[in-house]
Amino acid sequence: MSQKSAYFYANGRRKTAVATVRLFPDGKGDITINGIKAKTWSDDDAMLLTIFKPLELLGGKKEYDLEIITSGGGKKAQADAISLGISRAIAKKNGDFRQQLKSEGLLTRDARIKERKKPGLKKARRSPQWAKR
């Protein structure tokens, strides 16, 4: 894809996954994730639905080109991070879409992360088995 000058930039995060999204307004609908087409990046249709949800909600799937760089976490967390990043970039481009994205819950960061292991326990909350005798 040729580099264009004007774009809207946003980050999305989920668990330990981070997605950096560059949204080019006058595009043809090309979406690349880590240099790979979105369709080949994920073989799971549910993940692609998660990624494309903000675009389909606003009916702008063919209006924008997206360059996305993801790192950390698993593919599912990366897909959620991408969705948040796309939503934030669209809201930056046009503030009128913000309320519509917010009502669908697409601008809300899911802050749940893995709880740390505590001393004296087997896992975060699992205690050692208790023996009466």
N, C-alpha and C. Protein backbone atom coordinates (compact mmCIF):
# COMPACT_ATOMS: atom_id res chain seq x y z
N MET A 1 0.85 -1.17 0.00
CA MET A 1 0.00 0.00 0.00
C MET A 1 0.89 1.24 0.00
N SER A 2 0.54 2.21 -0.79
CA SER A 2 1.32 3.43 -0.85
C SER A 2 1.04 4.28 0.39
N GLN A 3 2.07 4.96 0.86
CA GLN A 3 1.92 5.79 2.05
C GLN A 3 1.14 7.05 1.70
N LYS A 4 0.17 7.37 2.51
CA LYS A 4 -0.62 8.58 2.35
C LYS A 4 -0.24 9.51 3.48
N SER A 5 -0.47 10.80 3.29
CA SER A 5 0.01 11.76 4.26
C SER A 5 -0.92 11.90 5.47
N ALA A 6 -2.21 12.05 5.25
CA ALA A 6 -3.12 12.33 6.37
C ALA A 6 -3.78 11.05 6.85
N TYR A 7 -3.66 10.79 8.15
CA TYR A 7 -4.34 9.64 8.74
C TYR A 7 -4.69 9.96 10.18
N PHE A 8 -5.58 9.16 10.73
CA PHE A 8 -5.99 9.29 12.13
C PHE A 8 -5.41 8.10 12.88
N TYR A 9 -4.84 8.38 14.05
CA TYR A 9 -4.07 7.40 14.80
C TYR A 9 -4.74 7.12 16.13
N ALA A 10 -4.78 5.84 16.53
CA ALA A 10 -5.34 5.50 17.85
C ALA A 10 -4.75 4.18 18.32
N ASN A 11 -4.72 4.01 19.63
CA ASN A 11 -4.27 2.75 20.25
C ASN A 11 -5.46 2.04 20.86
N GLY A 12 -5.42 0.72 20.83
CA GLY A 12 -6.40 -0.10 21.53
C GLY A 12 -5.66 -1.12 22.36
N ARG A 13 -6.20 -1.43 23.54
CA ARG A 13 -5.55 -2.41 24.42
C ARG A 13 -6.57 -3.39 24.96
N ARG A 14 -6.13 -4.63 25.19
CA ARG A 14 -6.94 -5.66 25.82
C ARG A 14 -6.00 -6.65 26.45
N LYS A 15 -6.13 -6.89 27.76
CA LYS A 15 -5.20 -7.73 28.52
C LYS A 15 -3.78 -7.23 28.26
N THR A 16 -2.91 -8.04 27.66
CA THR A 16 -1.56 -7.57 27.37
C THR A 16 -1.37 -7.26 25.89
N ALA A 17 -2.43 -7.31 25.11
CA ALA A 17 -2.35 -7.03 23.68
C ALA A 17 -2.50 -5.53 23.42
N VAL A 18 -1.71 -5.03 22.49
CA VAL A 18 -1.76 -3.63 22.11
C VAL A 18 -1.89 -3.56 20.59
N ALA A 19 -2.79 -2.71 20.11
CA ALA A 19 -2.98 -2.52 18.68
C ALA A 19 -2.84 -1.04 18.36
N THR A 20 -1.98 -0.72 17.40
CA THR A 20 -1.81 0.63 16.91
C THR A 20 -2.51 0.71 15.56
N VAL A 21 -3.47 1.61 15.44
CA VAL A 21 -4.31 1.70 14.25
C VAL A 21 -4.07 3.03 13.55
N ARG A 22 -3.82 2.96 12.23
CA ARG A 22 -3.75 4.15 11.39
C ARG A 22 -4.90 4.06 10.40
N LEU A 23 -5.80 5.05 10.45
CA LEU A 23 -6.99 5.07 9.61
C LEU A 23 -6.82 6.15 8.54
N PHE A 24 -6.80 5.71 7.28
CA PHE A 24 -6.68 6.62 6.15
C PHE A 24 -8.09 6.86 5.59
N PRO A 25 -8.61 8.09 5.64
CA PRO A 25 -10.01 8.35 5.29
C PRO A 25 -10.40 8.02 3.85
N ASP A 26 -9.61 8.41 2.87
CA ASP A 26 -9.99 8.21 1.48
C ASP A 26 -9.36 6.93 0.96
N GLY A 27 -9.95 5.81 1.32
CA GLY A 27 -9.37 4.52 0.95
C GLY A 27 -10.32 3.66 0.15
N LYS A 28 -9.87 2.42 -0.06
CA LYS A 28 -10.65 1.46 -0.84
C LYS A 28 -11.13 0.29 0.01
N GLY A 29 -10.83 0.30 1.30
CA GLY A 29 -11.23 -0.79 2.16
C GLY A 29 -10.12 -1.79 2.42
N ASP A 30 -8.85 -1.42 2.15
CA ASP A 30 -7.73 -2.31 2.41
C ASP A 30 -7.40 -2.30 3.90
N ILE A 31 -7.33 -3.49 4.49
CA ILE A 31 -7.00 -3.61 5.91
C ILE A 31 -5.82 -4.56 6.03
N THR A 32 -4.70 -4.04 6.57
CA THR A 32 -3.53 -4.88 6.79
C THR A 32 -3.23 -4.92 8.28
N ILE A 33 -2.95 -6.12 8.76
CA ILE A 33 -2.59 -6.33 10.17
C ILE A 33 -1.21 -6.95 10.19
N ASN A 34 -0.25 -6.23 10.77
CA ASN A 34 1.15 -6.66 10.81
C ASN A 34 1.67 -6.97 9.40
N GLY A 35 1.26 -6.19 8.42
CA GLY A 35 1.72 -6.36 7.06
C GLY A 35 1.02 -7.45 6.27
N ILE A 36 0.01 -8.08 6.85
CA ILE A 36 -0.73 -9.17 6.20
C ILE A 36 -2.18 -8.72 6.03
N LYS A 37 -2.83 -9.15 4.96
CA LYS A 37 -4.25 -8.86 4.78
C LYS A 37 -5.05 -9.42 5.95
N ALA A 38 -6.11 -8.74 6.36
CA ALA A 38 -6.89 -9.14 7.53
C ALA A 38 -7.50 -10.53 7.37
N LYS A 39 -7.92 -10.87 6.16
CA LYS A 39 -8.55 -12.18 5.93
C LYS A 39 -7.56 -13.33 6.15
N THR A 40 -6.29 -13.12 5.83
CA THR A 40 -5.29 -14.18 6.03
C THR A 40 -4.69 -14.14 7.44
N TRP A 41 -4.76 -12.97 8.11
CA TRP A 41 -4.24 -12.87 9.47
C TRP A 41 -5.04 -13.76 10.42
N SER A 42 -6.36 -13.81 10.20
CA SER A 42 -7.22 -14.62 11.06
C SER A 42 -8.02 -15.59 10.21
N ASP A 43 -7.99 -16.86 10.60
CA ASP A 43 -8.80 -17.85 9.91
C ASP A 43 -10.15 -18.02 10.59
N ASP A 44 -10.35 -17.35 11.72
CA ASP A 44 -11.59 -17.45 12.49
C ASP A 44 -12.54 -16.30 12.10
N ASP A 45 -13.74 -16.65 11.64
CA ASP A 45 -14.70 -15.63 11.22
C ASP A 45 -15.20 -14.78 12.38
N ALA A 46 -15.26 -15.37 13.58
CA ALA A 46 -15.74 -14.62 14.75
C ALA A 46 -14.77 -13.48 15.07
N MET A 47 -13.47 -13.72 14.92
CA MET A 47 -12.49 -12.66 15.16
C MET A 47 -12.61 -11.55 14.13
N LEU A 48 -12.85 -11.92 12.88
CA LEU A 48 -13.01 -10.92 11.82
C LEU A 48 -14.27 -10.09 12.06
N LEU A 49 -15.34 -10.72 12.57
CA LEU A 49 -16.55 -9.97 12.91
C LEU A 49 -16.27 -8.96 14.02
N THR A 50 -15.46 -9.37 15.01
CA THR A 50 -15.08 -8.47 16.10
C THR A 50 -14.30 -7.28 15.56
N ILE A 51 -13.37 -7.55 14.65
CA ILE A 51 -12.53 -6.49 14.10
C ILE A 51 -13.36 -5.52 13.26
N PHE A 52 -14.26 -6.05 12.43
CA PHE A 52 -15.01 -5.21 11.49
C PHE A 52 -16.27 -4.59 12.09
N LYS A 53 -16.61 -4.92 13.34
CA LYS A 53 -17.86 -4.43 13.94
C LYS A 53 -17.99 -2.90 13.91
N PRO A 54 -16.96 -2.12 14.29
CA PRO A 54 -17.12 -0.67 14.24
C PRO A 54 -17.36 -0.15 12.82
N LEU A 55 -16.71 -0.78 11.84
CA LEU A 55 -16.86 -0.34 10.45
C LEU A 55 -18.24 -0.69 9.91
N GLU A 56 -18.73 -1.88 10.25
CA GLU A 56 -20.04 -2.30 9.77
C GLU A 56 -21.16 -1.52 10.43
N LEU A 57 -20.96 -1.15 11.69
CA LEU A 57 -21.96 -0.37 12.41
C LEU A 57 -22.20 0.99 11.74
N LEU A 58 -21.11 1.59 11.26
CA LEU A 58 -21.20 2.91 10.64
C LEU A 58 -21.31 2.83 9.13
N GLY A 59 -21.24 1.63 8.58
CA GLY A 59 -21.38 1.46 7.13
C GLY A 59 -20.22 2.01 6.34
N GLY A 60 -19.02 2.03 6.93
CA GLY A 60 -17.87 2.61 6.24
C GLY A 60 -16.78 1.61 5.95
N LYS A 61 -17.16 0.38 5.63
CA LYS A 61 -16.14 -0.66 5.43
C LYS A 61 -15.27 -0.38 4.20
N LYS A 62 -15.83 0.25 3.19
CA LYS A 62 -15.08 0.52 1.95
C LYS A 62 -14.53 1.95 1.89
N GLU A 63 -14.79 2.76 2.92
CA GLU A 63 -14.36 4.16 2.90
C GLU A 63 -12.95 4.35 3.44
N TYR A 64 -12.46 3.42 4.25
CA TYR A 64 -11.20 3.63 4.95
C TYR A 64 -10.19 2.54 4.59
N ASP A 65 -8.91 2.93 4.58
CA ASP A 65 -7.81 1.98 4.57
C ASP A 65 -7.26 1.95 5.98
N LEU A 66 -6.90 0.78 6.46
CA LEU A 66 -6.39 0.63 7.83
C LEU A 66 -5.05 -0.08 7.81
N GLU A 67 -4.09 0.48 8.53
CA GLU A 67 -2.81 -0.19 8.78
C GLU A 67 -2.75 -0.43 10.28
N ILE A 68 -2.64 -1.69 10.67
CA ILE A 68 -2.70 -2.04 12.08
C ILE A 68 -1.45 -2.83 12.45
N ILE A 69 -0.86 -2.47 13.59
CA ILE A 69 0.28 -3.22 14.13
C ILE A 69 -0.12 -3.70 15.51
N THR A 70 -0.06 -5.02 15.72
CA THR A 70 -0.44 -5.59 17.01
C THR A 70 0.74 -6.32 17.62
N SER A 71 0.74 -6.40 18.95
CA SER A 71 1.75 -7.17 19.65
C SER A 71 1.19 -7.57 21.00
N GLY A 72 1.73 -8.64 21.55
CA GLY A 72 1.35 -9.10 22.88
C GLY A 72 0.04 -9.86 22.88
N GLY A 73 -0.17 -10.63 23.93
CA GLY A 73 -1.42 -11.36 24.09
C GLY A 73 -1.63 -12.43 23.05
N GLY A 74 -2.86 -12.91 22.95
CA GLY A 74 -3.23 -13.90 21.95
C GLY A 74 -4.03 -13.23 20.84
N LYS A 75 -4.43 -14.03 19.87
CA LYS A 75 -5.15 -13.48 18.71
C LYS A 75 -6.49 -12.87 19.12
N LYS A 76 -7.20 -13.50 20.04
CA LYS A 76 -8.51 -13.00 20.47
C LYS A 76 -8.36 -11.63 21.15
N ALA A 77 -7.38 -11.52 22.04
CA ALA A 77 -7.15 -10.24 22.72
C ALA A 77 -6.69 -9.19 21.72
N GLN A 78 -5.88 -9.59 20.73
CA GLN A 78 -5.45 -8.65 19.70
C GLN A 78 -6.64 -8.16 18.87
N ALA A 79 -7.57 -9.08 18.56
CA ALA A 79 -8.76 -8.69 17.80
C ALA A 79 -9.59 -7.67 18.58
N ASP A 80 -9.74 -7.88 19.89
CA ASP A 80 -10.48 -6.92 20.72
C ASP A 80 -9.76 -5.57 20.78
N ALA A 81 -8.42 -5.61 20.86
CA ALA A 81 -7.64 -4.38 20.88
C ALA A 81 -7.77 -3.63 19.55
N ILE A 82 -7.78 -4.38 18.45
CA ILE A 82 -7.94 -3.76 17.13
C ILE A 82 -9.30 -3.08 17.02
N SER A 83 -10.34 -3.75 17.50
CA SER A 83 -11.69 -3.18 17.45
C SER A 83 -11.75 -1.87 18.22
N LEU A 84 -11.15 -1.83 19.40
CA LEU A 84 -11.13 -0.60 20.20
C LEU A 84 -10.33 0.49 19.50
N GLY A 85 -9.19 0.12 18.90
CA GLY A 85 -8.37 1.09 18.19
C GLY A 85 -9.08 1.69 17.00
N ILE A 86 -9.79 0.85 16.23
CA ILE A 86 -10.54 1.34 15.08
C ILE A 86 -11.64 2.29 15.54
N SER A 87 -12.34 1.91 16.61
CA SER A 87 -13.42 2.76 17.13
C SER A 87 -12.89 4.12 17.58
N ARG A 88 -11.75 4.12 18.26
CA ARG A 88 -11.17 5.39 18.72
C ARG A 88 -10.72 6.25 17.55
N ALA A 89 -10.14 5.62 16.52
CA ALA A 89 -9.69 6.38 15.35
C ALA A 89 -10.87 7.00 14.60
N ILE A 90 -11.96 6.24 14.46
CA ILE A 90 -13.15 6.76 13.79
C ILE A 90 -13.75 7.92 14.60
N ALA A 91 -13.75 7.78 15.93
CA ALA A 91 -14.29 8.85 16.79
C ALA A 91 -13.42 10.11 16.69
N LYS A 92 -12.09 9.93 16.50
CA LYS A 92 -11.22 11.09 16.31
C LYS A 92 -11.51 11.78 14.98
N LYS A 93 -11.74 10.98 13.95
CA LYS A 93 -12.00 11.52 12.62
C LYS A 93 -13.30 12.31 12.59
N ASN A 94 -14.35 11.72 13.15
CA ASN A 94 -15.66 12.36 13.12
C ASN A 94 -16.33 12.18 14.48
N GLY A 95 -16.42 13.26 15.23
CA GLY A 95 -17.00 13.21 16.57
C GLY A 95 -18.48 12.86 16.59
N ASP A 96 -19.15 12.96 15.44
CA ASP A 96 -20.57 12.63 15.38
C ASP A 96 -20.82 11.14 15.60
N PHE A 97 -19.83 10.32 15.25
CA PHE A 97 -19.97 8.87 15.39
C PHE A 97 -19.73 8.40 16.82
N ARG A 98 -19.20 9.27 17.67
CA ARG A 98 -18.80 8.88 19.03
C ARG A 98 -19.97 8.29 19.83
N GLN A 99 -21.12 8.95 19.81
CA GLN A 99 -22.27 8.49 20.59
C GLN A 99 -22.77 7.13 20.11
N GLN A 100 -22.77 6.94 18.79
CA GLN A 100 -23.22 5.68 18.22
C GLN A 100 -22.27 4.53 18.61
N LEU A 101 -20.97 4.79 18.57
CA LEU A 101 -19.99 3.77 18.97
C LEU A 101 -20.07 3.50 20.47
N LYS A 102 -20.28 4.55 21.25
CA LYS A 102 -20.34 4.40 22.70
C LYS A 102 -21.56 3.59 23.13
N SER A 103 -22.69 3.80 22.46
CA SER A 103 -23.90 3.07 22.82
C SER A 103 -23.77 1.57 22.53
N GLU A 104 -22.93 1.21 21.56
CA GLU A 104 -22.67 -0.21 21.26
C GLU A 104 -21.58 -0.79 22.14
N GLY A 105 -20.94 0.04 22.98
CA GLY A 105 -19.89 -0.43 23.88
C GLY A 105 -18.55 -0.61 23.21
N LEU A 106 -18.34 0.04 22.06
CA LEU A 106 -17.10 -0.14 21.32
C LEU A 106 -16.00 0.83 21.74
N LEU A 107 -16.32 1.83 22.54
CA LEU A 107 -15.31 2.77 23.02
C LEU A 107 -14.90 2.48 24.46
N THR A 108 -15.38 1.38 25.01
CA THR A 108 -15.08 1.02 26.39
C THR A 108 -13.91 0.05 26.44
N ARG A 109 -12.90 0.40 27.22
CA ARG A 109 -11.73 -0.47 27.38
C ARG A 109 -12.07 -1.55 28.37
N ASP A 110 -11.84 -2.81 27.99
CA ASP A 110 -12.06 -3.93 28.88
C ASP A 110 -10.81 -4.10 29.74
N ALA A 111 -10.88 -3.69 31.00
CA ALA A 111 -9.70 -3.60 31.86
C ALA A 111 -9.35 -4.90 32.57
N ARG A 112 -10.09 -5.98 32.29
CA ARG A 112 -9.80 -7.23 32.99
C ARG A 112 -8.47 -7.82 32.51
N ILE A 113 -7.59 -8.08 33.47
CA ILE A 113 -6.32 -8.73 33.18
C ILE A 113 -6.12 -9.86 34.16
N LYS A 114 -5.14 -10.70 33.89
CA LYS A 114 -4.88 -11.84 34.78
C LYS A 114 -4.41 -11.34 36.14
N GLU A 115 -5.00 -11.91 37.19
CA GLU A 115 -4.64 -11.53 38.55
C GLU A 115 -3.31 -12.15 38.92
N ARG A 116 -2.49 -11.43 39.67
CA ARG A 116 -1.17 -11.94 40.02
C ARG A 116 -1.25 -13.02 41.09
N LYS A 117 -0.25 -13.90 41.11
CA LYS A 117 -0.17 -14.95 42.11
C LYS A 117 0.28 -14.34 43.44
N LYS A 118 -0.39 -14.77 44.52
CA LYS A 118 -0.04 -14.27 45.84
C LYS A 118 0.84 -15.28 46.57
N PRO A 119 1.72 -14.79 47.47
CA PRO A 119 2.59 -15.71 48.22
C PRO A 119 1.76 -16.61 49.15
N GLY A 120 2.17 -17.85 49.24
CA GLY A 120 1.48 -18.82 50.09
C GLY A 120 0.32 -19.52 49.40
N LEU A 121 -0.01 -19.10 48.19
CA LEU A 121 -1.09 -19.72 47.44
C LEU A 121 -0.54 -20.42 46.21
N LYS A 122 -1.33 -21.35 45.66
CA LYS A 122 -0.91 -22.08 44.47
C LYS A 122 -1.04 -21.20 43.21
N LYS A 123 -2.16 -20.47 43.14
CA LYS A 123 -2.40 -19.56 42.02
C LYS A 123 -2.85 -18.22 42.62
N ALA A 124 -3.59 -17.43 41.87
CA ALA A 124 -4.01 -16.12 42.38
C ALA A 124 -4.89 -16.25 43.61
N ARG A 125 -5.81 -17.23 43.60
CA ARG A 125 -6.73 -17.41 44.73
C ARG A 125 -6.76 -18.82 45.29
N ARG A 126 -6.23 -19.78 44.55
CA ARG A 126 -6.27 -21.18 44.95
C ARG A 126 -5.27 -21.42 46.07
N SER A 127 -5.81 -21.89 47.23
CA SER A 127 -4.94 -22.16 48.37
C SER A 127 -4.52 -23.63 48.35
N PRO A 128 -3.46 -23.97 49.08
CA PRO A 128 -3.06 -25.38 49.13
C PRO A 128 -4.16 -26.24 49.76
N GLN A 129 -4.19 -27.50 49.39
CA GLN A 129 -5.23 -28.39 49.93
C GLN A 129 -5.06 -28.53 51.43
N TRP A 130 -6.19 -28.50 52.13
CA TRP A 130 -6.17 -28.57 53.59
C TRP A 130 -6.29 -30.03 54.02
N ALA A 131 -5.40 -30.47 54.91
CA ALA A 131 -5.44 -31.85 55.42
C ALA A 131 -5.76 -31.80 56.90
N LYS A 132 -6.81 -32.54 57.30
CA LYS A 132 -7.21 -32.54 58.71
C LYS A 132 -6.17 -33.23 59.57
N ARG A 133 -5.63 -34.34 59.10
CA ARG A 133 -4.63 -35.08 59.89
C ARG A 133 -3.37 -35.29 59.09
